[in-house]
Each structure stands twice: as structure tokens, then as C-alpha cells.
Amino acid sequence: MNGMFDSAKTGAEISIGLIGIMSFWLGILKIGERAGMINKFAKAASPFFSKLFPGIPKGHPASGSVIMNFSANMLGLDNAATPMGLKAMKELQELNPDKDTASDAQIMFLVLNTAGLTIIPTSVIALRMANGAANPADIFIPSLIGTFISFVSGMIAVAMYQKINLFKLPILTFIGGFIALMAGLYFWLGGMPPAQIQTYTSLLGGIVIFSIIALFIGYGALKKINVYESFIDGAKEGFTTSVMIIPFLIAILVAISAFRATGCMDYLVNSIGTVVAACGLDTAFVPALPVGIMKSLSGSGARGLMVDVMTTYGPDSFQGRLASIIQGSTETTFYVLAVYFGSVNIKRPRYALACGLIADLVGLIAAIFIGYIFFK
């Protein structure tokens, strides 16, 4: 009961804590929307996103918000990604004919978010450094591969439901481009010390996000729109959205707390270990499994479990490294579903949860195999 009450309090605190950043980012996005910059983003990304989101009309602002959300996610900029994602979900809701039921475009967007395509797992590297790892960034490339596999598996799962043909040039070009990007980052960052990697990645993320802010404000002034008034209108939307998600977030966090506190998580992990041992397979990965299971439920909970694994087995142990790869390879499905769908009051998610969990499962299995390949 204490855990459930604490989680209810946490849910409200998270939502209230979002008010400031939500108001700020939706204010900036409103400037970009009225200045026409969002439309420019949408047109630039339309060759790829038009194939995955056929329900979004050409040039619609939702496309620009979607690409900006994915860009922020890839750079690990959670504070920027969430407001942009909620803005995109609201714009997709405007195109949704059945307001209580998730549309195909909303499901694709949400699942790709839960797949969690992240290029640079800066927070994981920082936690490994804080726990005394000899080379905190040694999980950089394994996590990059894991998050890419999770993203592609989520995209395939939704495409199968929606009968979308993925063998088209823009989609294949994106996948090939991301593989090339992984190779480029490996050659650029691979030989650097961990502290230098953190410095460069933090600098890169900061430059990108500050550039977007400056670009939107500058372009808005150039177009002679009322920048201040536009910002205030967007900030009001951010305040409303932050308040709307409180009931949905409290409900999901309380359920997760009950699952953990009653010991159901321990029973599940121990059962998996018993089955694996009975098959004569190596069980070294089992202690890191709670991180993968919890990651679907709670990002902060998974982060705590990752630190616990590193503390128990050591940050440079196989278990410690595997827990770090898992943390950097998957996203918080239930949290994202509650916040994003809750922000537009969707009550029937259809197959969104199933596809999100498929991406999580594939990402978890891939992370385990990658861990064995790199560190065992």
C-alpha cells in the first residue's frame, strides 16, 4: 500500500513537473508553426514518413512535429522529446475520425516511440562512470545496435498490422543511412575516453536543440509574426496537456508499483531462470532480466535496477554491462502509452500495446545476444 500511495504521489509530481518544460516547448513550437517552419520540416521528411504514415495529408504540421520528436529521441534529449511527442499526438488526434480510438498513424507513432531509437545513451554512460566502470562507454556500440533492432522490429510489427509495404526506397534509404550513421559514430567516438564522449555528445545535443529554438524565434521574427503572443498561446496548450495526463499516469504507475511490491517481478524472473537452466543453457544473463522487464513499465525503476545489478556484480561484469545495454536499448512502453494517449483522451489503443511489447521483447532478446557477442 505504501508503494501504491507513493507511486500516486510520484505520478502527480511528474505531471506537475512537466508543466514548465511543456509550456516552454509548446510555446516554441507554436512560433514555428505560425511562421511556417513546421511545414518545412514536414516537407523535408515527407518521402520517409509518407510511407509509414499514409494517413497524414501531405504537408500537414503533424509530420514536422513527428520528425522533431524522433530527432530529439535519437539524441537522448528526453525533456525536448516529450513535449514534441505530445504536440505530434495532439495534431494526429485532429486527423482521427474516432476520438476515443487510436488511429493507425497514432499507433505507428507511439510504437516507434516505445521502440526508443537512441543514438547516444548518455545517461547510461554517466551512471556507469559514477559506479566506477573502467570504460563506461564500452556499451555505446552494443546499445546503438540494440536500439536500432528494437526500432525496426516495432516498425515491422505495426506495418504487418496496417499492411504497409516497407520495401520502398525512402524507408530502405533511412535504414541504410542509420547504419552508415552508426558506423560514422563508431569511428568518430570509438577511440575517445569516456569523459570526452560525454562532453562531445552533450555538446552535440545542446547545439541541436538550441539551434532549433533560435531558428524558430528568428524565422518567426523574419516573417513578422507576433512571436511573444504565439509563444503564450502555445504555452497555454502545454499547461493544459500537462494537467490532462495526471489521471492516466497515476493509474499506470500505481499498477506497476503493485506488480513490483507483491513480488510478481521476482517470481517471473526466477521462473525464467529455472526454465533456462533446465534447458542446459547459460544463466549468466538472468540477473539482468529485471532491468528489461521493468524498462517496459518504468524508466526510473529500470534505472534503479540497473544500478543495483552494477553494485551487486560490478559495472565491468557481464551482468553489469548487459544491464546497461538493455537500459540503453529499449523504452518505457506503458509510460509512453499512458502519457501520449492520455494527453488526447484515447481510451481504446487497439494493437498499440501488443506492437510496443513486441518491440520491447525483440529488443531485450537482441540485447542479450549482443551482450554475449561483445562481452562473454
Protein backbone atom coordinates (compact mmCIF):
# COMPACT_ATOMS: atom_id res chain seq x y z
CA MET A 1 0.00 0.00 0.00
CA ASN A 2 2.87 2.37 0.77
CA GLY A 3 4.32 1.72 -2.67
CA MET A 4 0.98 2.39 -4.37
CA PHE A 5 0.42 5.63 -2.46
CA ASP A 6 3.99 6.76 -3.18
CA SER A 7 3.50 5.99 -6.89
CA ALA A 8 0.29 8.00 -6.99
CA LYS A 9 2.17 10.93 -5.48
CA THR A 10 5.03 10.42 -7.97
CA GLY A 11 2.60 10.41 -10.90
CA ALA A 12 1.19 13.78 -9.87
CA GLU A 13 4.67 15.19 -9.24
CA ILE A 14 5.90 14.07 -12.67
CA SER A 15 2.92 15.68 -14.39
CA ILE A 16 3.25 18.93 -12.45
CA GLY A 17 6.99 18.92 -13.10
CA LEU A 18 6.24 18.71 -16.81
CA ILE A 19 4.26 21.97 -16.79
CA GLY A 20 7.29 24.24 -17.13
CA ILE A 21 9.08 22.35 -19.90
CA MET A 22 5.81 21.56 -21.69
CA SER A 23 4.72 25.20 -21.65
CA PHE A 24 8.13 26.31 -22.91
CA TRP A 25 8.42 23.79 -25.74
CA LEU A 26 4.87 24.07 -26.99
CA GLY A 27 5.33 27.84 -26.97
CA ILE A 28 8.41 27.47 -29.18
CA LEU A 29 6.62 25.00 -31.44
CA LYS A 30 3.66 27.37 -31.80
CA ILE A 31 6.07 30.05 -33.07
CA GLY A 32 7.49 27.58 -35.58
CA GLU A 33 4.01 26.52 -36.65
CA ARG A 34 2.75 30.05 -37.30
CA ALA A 35 6.00 31.03 -39.04
CA GLY A 36 5.72 28.03 -41.37
CA MET A 37 8.87 26.28 -40.14
CA ILE A 38 6.98 23.14 -39.06
CA ASN A 39 5.68 22.80 -42.62
CA LYS A 40 9.25 22.97 -43.92
CA PHE A 41 10.25 20.13 -41.58
CA ALA A 42 7.23 18.15 -42.75
CA LYS A 43 8.10 18.58 -46.42
CA ALA A 44 11.73 17.61 -45.85
CA ALA A 45 10.71 14.39 -44.07
CA SER A 46 7.69 13.55 -46.23
CA PRO A 47 9.44 10.98 -48.51
CA PHE A 48 10.09 8.71 -45.49
CA PHE A 49 7.14 9.48 -43.24
CA SER A 50 4.57 9.44 -46.02
CA LYS A 51 5.30 5.71 -46.39
CA LEU A 52 4.95 4.95 -42.67
CA PHE A 53 2.11 7.42 -42.06
CA PRO A 54 -0.10 7.27 -45.17
CA GLY A 55 -2.99 8.75 -43.16
CA ILE A 56 -1.22 12.10 -42.68
CA PRO A 57 -2.01 14.54 -45.52
CA LYS A 58 0.98 15.88 -47.43
CA GLY A 59 2.42 18.98 -45.74
CA HIS A 60 0.39 18.58 -42.52
CA PRO A 61 2.11 20.07 -39.40
CA ALA A 62 1.96 16.68 -37.67
CA SER A 63 4.75 15.40 -39.92
CA GLY A 64 7.08 18.16 -38.75
CA SER A 65 6.31 17.51 -35.09
CA VAL A 66 6.86 13.78 -35.59
CA ILE A 67 10.30 14.23 -37.18
CA MET A 68 11.34 16.69 -34.46
CA ASN A 69 10.26 14.23 -31.77
CA PHE A 70 12.29 11.43 -33.35
CA SER A 71 15.31 13.73 -33.73
CA ALA A 72 15.19 14.64 -30.03
CA ASN A 73 14.79 10.98 -29.04
CA MET A 74 17.78 9.93 -31.13
CA LEU A 75 19.95 12.49 -29.33
CA GLY A 76 18.66 11.40 -25.91
CA LEU A 77 17.00 14.78 -25.25
CA ASP A 78 14.07 13.50 -23.17
CA ASN A 79 13.00 16.95 -21.95
CA ALA A 80 12.62 18.09 -25.55
CA ALA A 81 11.28 14.82 -26.99
CA THR A 82 8.25 14.50 -24.68
CA PRO A 83 6.68 17.92 -25.41
CA MET A 84 7.32 17.47 -29.13
CA GLY A 85 5.78 14.00 -28.99
CA LEU A 86 2.68 15.24 -27.15
CA LYS A 87 2.35 18.03 -29.70
CA ALA A 88 2.56 15.48 -32.53
CA MET A 89 -0.03 13.25 -30.84
CA LYS A 90 -2.42 16.17 -30.50
CA GLU A 91 -2.04 17.05 -34.19
CA LEU A 92 -2.58 13.40 -35.15
CA GLN A 93 -5.72 13.43 -33.00
CA GLU A 94 -7.09 16.25 -35.15
CA LEU A 95 -6.94 13.85 -38.11
CA ASN A 96 -8.51 10.99 -36.12
CA PRO A 97 -12.20 10.43 -37.04
CA ASP A 98 -12.87 8.33 -33.90
CA LYS A 99 -11.59 10.39 -30.97
CA ASP A 100 -11.79 7.55 -28.40
CA THR A 101 -9.87 5.04 -30.54
CA ALA A 102 -6.23 5.26 -31.63
CA SER A 103 -5.77 5.84 -35.36
CA ASP A 104 -3.25 3.92 -37.48
CA ALA A 105 -0.93 6.94 -37.57
CA GLN A 106 -1.08 7.38 -33.77
CA ILE A 107 -0.29 3.70 -33.23
CA MET A 108 2.71 3.81 -35.58
CA PHE A 109 3.96 6.97 -33.88
CA LEU A 110 3.55 5.58 -30.37
CA VAL A 111 5.18 2.21 -31.14
CA LEU A 112 8.18 3.86 -32.80
CA ASN A 113 8.49 5.99 -29.65
CA THR A 114 8.33 2.97 -27.35
CA ALA A 115 10.98 1.28 -29.52
CA GLY A 116 13.20 4.13 -28.36
CA LEU A 117 15.64 4.82 -31.22
CA THR A 118 18.54 6.45 -29.35
CA ILE A 119 21.91 7.10 -30.93
CA ILE A 120 23.82 8.10 -27.79
CA PRO A 121 22.85 6.62 -24.36
CA THR A 122 24.41 9.47 -22.40
CA SER A 123 22.56 8.78 -19.12
CA VAL A 124 23.66 5.13 -19.10
CA ILE A 125 27.28 6.10 -19.74
CA ALA A 126 27.07 8.66 -16.91
CA LEU A 127 25.70 6.06 -14.46
CA ARG A 128 28.42 3.59 -15.43
CA MET A 129 31.04 6.27 -14.83
CA ALA A 130 29.50 7.10 -11.43
CA ASN A 131 29.66 3.42 -10.48
CA GLY A 132 33.38 3.17 -11.29
CA ALA A 133 33.39 1.35 -14.64
CA ALA A 134 36.86 1.13 -16.20
CA ASN A 135 35.46 2.13 -19.61
CA PRO A 136 31.91 3.46 -19.10
CA ALA A 137 31.38 3.96 -22.85
CA ASP A 138 32.14 0.37 -23.82
CA ILE A 139 28.38 -0.28 -24.13
CA PHE A 140 27.97 2.55 -26.67
CA ILE A 141 28.08 0.45 -29.86
CA PRO A 142 26.14 -2.56 -28.39
CA SER A 143 23.37 -0.21 -27.18
CA LEU A 144 23.26 1.51 -30.56
CA ILE A 145 22.77 -1.82 -32.32
CA GLY A 146 20.16 -2.91 -29.77
CA THR A 147 18.06 0.24 -30.04
CA PHE A 148 18.15 0.03 -33.85
CA ILE A 149 16.92 -3.58 -33.81
CA SER A 150 14.14 -2.63 -31.38
CA PHE A 151 13.07 0.29 -33.60
CA VAL A 152 13.00 -1.78 -36.79
CA SER A 153 11.09 -4.62 -35.08
CA GLY A 154 8.44 -2.18 -33.84
CA MET A 155 8.14 -0.68 -37.32
CA ILE A 156 7.75 -4.14 -38.87
CA ALA A 157 5.15 -5.21 -36.28
CA VAL A 158 2.91 -2.18 -36.95
CA ALA A 159 3.48 -2.43 -40.72
CA MET A 160 2.21 -6.01 -40.66
CA TYR A 161 -0.98 -4.94 -38.85
CA GLN A 162 -1.50 -1.97 -41.18
CA LYS A 163 -0.35 -3.80 -44.33
CA ILE A 164 2.35 -1.22 -45.10
CA ASN A 165 5.00 -2.20 -47.65
CA LEU A 166 8.39 -1.40 -46.10
CA PHE A 167 10.38 -2.35 -49.20
CA LYS A 168 10.29 1.16 -50.60
CA LEU A 169 13.24 3.36 -51.44
CA PRO A 170 12.70 6.09 -48.76
CA ILE A 171 12.41 3.50 -45.96
CA LEU A 172 15.36 1.45 -47.19
CA THR A 173 17.36 4.67 -47.56
CA PHE A 174 16.57 5.64 -43.95
CA ILE A 175 17.64 2.23 -42.64
CA GLY A 176 20.81 2.30 -44.73
CA GLY A 177 21.52 5.87 -43.63
CA PHE A 178 21.16 4.95 -39.97
CA ILE A 179 23.55 2.02 -40.41
CA ALA A 180 26.03 4.42 -42.01
CA LEU A 181 25.49 6.84 -39.10
CA MET A 182 26.26 4.06 -36.60
CA ALA A 183 29.48 3.32 -38.45
CA GLY A 184 30.40 7.02 -38.56
CA LEU A 185 29.80 7.47 -34.83
CA TYR A 186 31.84 4.37 -34.11
CA PHE A 187 34.86 5.74 -35.98
CA TRP A 188 34.40 9.23 -34.50
CA LEU A 189 33.74 8.34 -30.85
CA GLY A 190 35.09 4.82 -30.59
CA GLY A 191 38.63 5.75 -29.56
CA MET A 192 37.79 8.64 -27.22
CA PRO A 193 37.95 8.45 -23.41
CA PRO A 194 34.50 8.15 -21.73
CA ALA A 195 34.59 11.67 -20.28
CA GLN A 196 35.34 13.08 -23.73
CA ILE A 197 32.49 11.09 -25.30
CA GLN A 198 30.09 12.53 -22.73
CA THR A 199 31.37 16.04 -23.42
CA TYR A 200 31.01 15.74 -27.18
CA THR A 201 27.59 14.06 -27.09
CA SER A 202 26.21 16.57 -24.58
CA LEU A 203 27.58 19.40 -26.70
CA LEU A 204 26.05 17.94 -29.85
CA GLY A 205 22.61 17.60 -28.24
CA GLY A 206 22.77 21.10 -26.77
CA ILE A 207 23.78 22.68 -30.09
CA VAL A 208 20.98 20.92 -31.99
CA ILE A 209 18.23 21.85 -29.55
CA PHE A 210 19.41 25.46 -29.06
CA SER A 211 19.65 25.84 -32.85
CA ILE A 212 16.02 24.79 -33.21
CA ILE A 213 14.92 27.36 -30.60
CA ALA A 214 16.96 30.15 -32.22
CA LEU A 215 15.81 29.15 -35.71
CA PHE A 216 12.12 29.19 -34.79
CA ILE A 217 12.28 32.53 -32.98
CA GLY A 218 14.47 34.12 -35.66
CA TYR A 219 12.35 32.83 -38.52
CA GLY A 220 9.19 33.96 -36.74
CA ALA A 221 10.61 37.47 -36.36
CA LEU A 222 11.68 37.44 -40.01
CA LYS A 223 8.14 36.51 -41.05
CA LYS A 224 6.88 39.38 -38.85
CA ILE A 225 4.54 37.29 -36.73
CA ASN A 226 3.88 38.24 -33.10
CA VAL A 227 6.47 35.93 -31.53
CA TYR A 228 5.51 36.68 -27.91
CA GLU A 229 1.79 36.18 -28.48
CA SER A 230 2.43 32.94 -30.36
CA PHE A 231 4.62 31.67 -27.53
CA ILE A 232 1.95 32.43 -24.91
CA ASP A 233 -0.74 30.62 -26.94
CA GLY A 234 1.47 27.54 -27.22
CA ALA A 235 2.44 27.69 -23.54
CA LYS A 236 -1.25 27.64 -22.55
CA GLU A 237 -1.65 24.41 -24.53
CA GLY A 238 1.35 22.97 -22.70
CA PHE A 239 -0.19 23.73 -19.32
CA THR A 240 -3.50 22.09 -20.28
CA THR A 241 -1.79 18.99 -21.66
CA SER A 242 0.32 18.52 -18.51
CA VAL A 243 -2.77 18.59 -16.30
CA MET A 244 -4.72 16.20 -18.57
CA ILE A 245 -2.21 13.35 -18.25
CA ILE A 246 -2.26 13.23 -14.41
CA PRO A 247 -5.05 10.58 -14.02
CA PHE A 248 -3.58 8.32 -16.73
CA LEU A 249 -0.06 8.50 -15.32
CA ILE A 250 -1.18 7.83 -11.74
CA ALA A 251 -3.15 4.77 -12.85
CA ILE A 252 -0.23 3.15 -14.69
CA LEU A 253 2.38 3.95 -12.01
CA VAL A 254 0.21 2.54 -9.22
CA ALA A 255 -0.30 -0.69 -11.21
CA ILE A 256 3.45 -1.01 -11.81
CA SER A 257 4.19 -0.44 -8.12
CA ALA A 258 1.77 -3.19 -7.11
CA PHE A 259 3.39 -5.58 -9.63
CA ARG A 260 6.81 -4.99 -8.10
CA ALA A 261 5.87 -4.79 -4.41
CA THR A 262 3.83 -8.03 -4.42
CA GLY A 263 6.85 -9.98 -5.68
CA CYS A 264 5.36 -10.78 -9.08
CA MET A 265 8.50 -9.46 -10.79
CA ASP A 266 10.72 -11.80 -8.74
CA TYR A 267 8.50 -14.81 -9.46
CA LEU A 268 8.62 -14.06 -13.18
CA VAL A 269 12.42 -13.68 -13.33
CA ASN A 270 13.09 -16.77 -11.17
CA SER A 271 10.76 -18.86 -13.34
CA ILE A 272 12.64 -17.80 -16.48
CA GLY A 273 15.95 -18.70 -14.82
CA THR A 274 14.67 -22.14 -13.87
CA VAL A 275 13.47 -22.87 -17.41
CA VAL A 276 16.77 -21.69 -18.93
CA ALA A 277 18.80 -23.83 -16.51
CA ALA A 278 16.60 -26.85 -17.24
CA CYS A 279 17.40 -26.45 -20.95
CA GLY A 280 21.11 -26.60 -20.15
CA LEU A 281 21.74 -23.00 -21.26
CA ASP A 282 23.93 -20.37 -19.64
CA THR A 283 22.03 -18.42 -16.96
CA ALA A 284 24.53 -15.56 -16.59
CA PHE A 285 22.06 -13.16 -18.22
CA VAL A 286 19.22 -13.83 -15.77
CA PRO A 287 20.26 -11.28 -13.10
CA ALA A 288 19.99 -8.52 -15.74
CA LEU A 289 16.49 -9.58 -16.86
CA PRO A 290 14.61 -7.46 -14.29
CA VAL A 291 16.02 -4.35 -15.98
CA GLY A 292 14.46 -5.37 -19.32
CA ILE A 293 11.13 -6.31 -17.78
CA MET A 294 10.96 -3.16 -15.66
CA LYS A 295 12.00 -0.95 -18.58
CA SER A 296 8.62 -1.61 -20.24
CA LEU A 297 6.91 -0.48 -17.03
CA SER A 298 9.02 2.28 -15.50
CA GLY A 299 12.13 4.07 -16.77
CA SER A 300 13.22 5.23 -13.30
CA GLY A 301 12.54 1.76 -11.87
CA ALA A 302 14.67 0.14 -14.58
CA ARG A 303 17.42 2.68 -13.95
CA GLY A 304 17.41 1.76 -10.27
CA LEU A 305 17.57 -1.96 -11.07
CA MET A 306 20.47 -1.35 -13.48
CA VAL A 307 22.41 0.43 -10.73
CA ASP A 308 21.56 -2.45 -8.35
CA VAL A 309 22.96 -5.01 -10.83
CA MET A 310 26.16 -2.96 -11.26
CA THR A 311 26.50 -2.62 -7.48
CA THR A 312 25.98 -6.36 -6.90
CA TYR A 313 28.06 -7.80 -9.73
CA GLY A 314 30.32 -4.87 -10.65
CA PRO A 315 29.96 -2.35 -13.51
CA ASP A 316 32.51 -4.25 -15.65
CA SER A 317 30.97 -7.68 -15.07
CA PHE A 318 28.97 -9.36 -17.83
CA GLN A 319 25.77 -8.77 -15.85
CA GLY A 320 26.60 -5.09 -15.26
CA ARG A 321 27.36 -4.46 -18.92
CA LEU A 322 24.30 -6.41 -20.10
CA ALA A 323 22.03 -4.42 -17.76
CA SER A 324 23.49 -1.22 -19.25
CA ILE A 325 22.91 -2.43 -22.83
CA ILE A 326 19.30 -3.32 -22.01
CA GLN A 327 18.73 0.07 -20.38
CA GLY A 328 20.09 1.82 -23.46
CA SER A 329 18.25 -0.37 -26.00
CA THR A 330 14.56 -0.22 -25.01
CA GLU A 331 11.96 2.33 -23.92
CA THR A 332 9.18 2.60 -21.33
CA THR A 333 6.16 1.27 -23.23
CA PHE A 334 3.45 1.56 -20.56
CA TYR A 335 4.60 5.03 -19.51
CA VAL A 336 4.67 6.33 -23.10
CA LEU A 337 1.29 4.77 -23.84
CA ALA A 338 -0.29 6.29 -20.72
CA VAL A 339 1.18 9.77 -21.27
CA TYR A 340 0.77 10.06 -25.05
CA PHE A 341 -2.68 8.50 -25.37
CA GLY A 342 -3.80 10.09 -22.10
CA SER A 343 -2.91 13.54 -23.42
CA VAL A 344 -5.57 13.20 -26.15
CA ASN A 345 -8.00 11.12 -24.07
CA ILE A 346 -7.77 7.93 -26.15
CA LYS A 347 -9.42 5.01 -24.37
CA ARG A 348 -9.02 2.21 -26.96
CA PRO A 349 -5.37 1.74 -28.01
CA ARG A 350 -6.18 -1.24 -30.30
CA TYR A 351 -2.96 -3.16 -31.06
CA ALA A 352 -0.57 -0.40 -29.93
CA LEU A 353 0.36 -2.17 -26.69
CA ALA A 354 0.91 -5.51 -28.42
CA CYS A 355 3.25 -3.99 -31.02
CA GLY A 356 5.09 -1.97 -28.38
CA LEU A 357 5.69 -5.09 -26.29
CA ILE A 358 6.86 -6.98 -29.40
CA ALA A 359 9.47 -4.26 -29.96
CA ASP A 360 10.47 -4.49 -26.27
CA LEU A 361 10.76 -8.29 -26.39
CA VAL A 362 12.81 -8.31 -29.60
CA GLY A 363 14.99 -5.50 -28.22
CA LEU A 364 15.55 -7.43 -24.96
CA ILE A 365 16.46 -10.67 -26.76
CA ALA A 366 18.73 -8.77 -29.14
CA ALA A 367 20.43 -7.01 -26.21
CA ILE A 368 21.15 -10.37 -24.57
CA PHE A 369 22.66 -11.81 -27.76
CA ILE A 370 24.67 -8.63 -28.34
CA GLY A 371 25.93 -8.77 -24.76
CA TYR A 372 27.18 -12.32 -25.27
CA ILE A 373 28.82 -11.37 -28.59
CA PHE A 374 30.66 -8.36 -27.18
CA PHE A 375 31.40 -9.27 -23.56
CA LYS A 376 31.15 -13.02 -22.94
